[in-house]
Amino acid sequence: MKARSAKDYTGNWVQTVSSVVALLFAVLGGFGLITPEQSAEAGPIVGTTLGAVSTAIAGIVALITLFFKKEEPV
């Protein structure tokens, strides 16, 4: 198994955050604070929310790049 670098975590932040949330659900389930059914229902919701946030961030970055793009001399 290859060691992960900092670039892997910043480039794949949605996967990293999803893994952390899944770990959190496992810990909460282990202590009996949430049921496995609640954890199973919350997983796709968290994934969809993170995907939407990622799309919004990409859109905002694209707009900022568009507005502040330096003009190329002809």
Protein backbone atom coordinates (compact mmCIF):
# COMPACT_ATOMS: atom_id res chain seq x y z
CA MET A 1 0.00 0.00 0.00
CA LYS A 2 1.38 3.37 -1.05
CA ALA A 3 1.76 6.11 1.55
CA ARG A 4 -0.49 9.09 0.95
CA SER A 5 0.95 12.57 0.62
CA ALA A 6 -0.59 15.90 1.60
CA LYS A 7 -1.51 16.47 -2.06
CA ASP A 8 -3.65 13.33 -2.01
CA TYR A 9 -5.66 14.69 0.90
CA THR A 10 -6.18 18.14 -0.61
CA GLY A 11 -6.95 16.80 -4.08
CA ASN A 12 -9.46 14.26 -2.80
CA TRP A 13 -10.93 16.18 0.10
CA VAL A 14 -14.46 14.90 -0.47
CA GLN A 15 -13.32 11.30 -0.10
CA THR A 16 -11.26 12.22 2.97
CA VAL A 17 -14.14 14.02 4.68
CA SER A 18 -16.53 11.19 3.81
CA SER A 19 -14.15 8.72 5.43
CA VAL A 20 -13.86 10.85 8.56
CA VAL A 21 -17.66 11.13 8.80
CA ALA A 22 -18.02 7.35 8.33
CA LEU A 23 -15.51 6.83 11.14
CA LEU A 24 -17.48 9.25 13.32
CA PHE A 25 -20.69 7.32 12.61
CA ALA A 26 -18.92 4.06 13.49
CA VAL A 27 -17.71 5.50 16.80
CA LEU A 28 -21.14 6.90 17.64
CA GLY A 29 -22.71 3.57 16.75
CA GLY A 30 -20.15 1.74 18.86
CA PHE A 31 -21.08 3.80 21.91
CA GLY A 32 -24.78 3.24 21.22
CA LEU A 33 -25.56 6.90 20.55
CA ILE A 34 -26.97 6.18 17.10
CA THR A 35 -28.37 3.00 15.61
CA PRO A 36 -26.91 1.27 12.54
CA GLU A 37 -30.07 2.25 10.63
CA GLN A 38 -29.48 5.93 11.41
CA SER A 39 -25.89 5.62 10.30
CA ALA A 40 -26.93 3.91 7.06
CA GLU A 41 -29.51 6.62 6.34
CA ALA A 42 -27.11 9.48 7.08
CA GLY A 43 -24.26 8.16 4.89
CA PRO A 44 -25.78 8.98 1.49
CA ILE A 45 -27.06 12.34 2.75
CA VAL A 46 -23.57 13.33 3.86
CA GLY A 47 -22.10 12.15 0.56
CA THR A 48 -24.62 14.14 -1.46
CA THR A 49 -24.09 17.24 0.67
CA LEU A 50 -20.32 17.05 0.28
CA GLY A 51 -20.70 16.60 -3.48
CA ALA A 52 -22.91 19.69 -3.65
CA VAL A 53 -20.43 21.72 -1.61
CA SER A 54 -17.61 20.55 -3.87
CA THR A 55 -19.57 21.58 -6.97
CA ALA A 56 -20.36 24.99 -5.48
CA ILE A 57 -16.71 25.59 -4.61
CA ALA A 58 -15.63 24.60 -8.12
CA GLY A 59 -18.22 26.98 -9.61
CA ILE A 60 -17.12 29.88 -7.43
CA VAL A 61 -13.48 29.28 -8.29
CA ALA A 62 -14.37 29.19 -11.99
CA LEU A 63 -16.26 32.50 -11.71
CA ILE A 64 -13.43 34.19 -9.84
CA THR A 65 -10.96 32.93 -12.43
CA LEU A 66 -13.19 34.24 -15.21
CA PHE A 67 -13.55 37.71 -13.70
CA PHE A 68 -9.92 38.18 -12.76
CA LYS A 69 -8.31 36.56 -15.78
CA LYS A 70 -5.58 38.77 -17.17
CA GLU A 71 -6.05 39.68 -20.79
CA GLU A 72 -3.56 38.22 -23.19
CA PRO A 73 -1.83 40.69 -25.52
CA VAL A 74 -2.59 40.03 -29.16
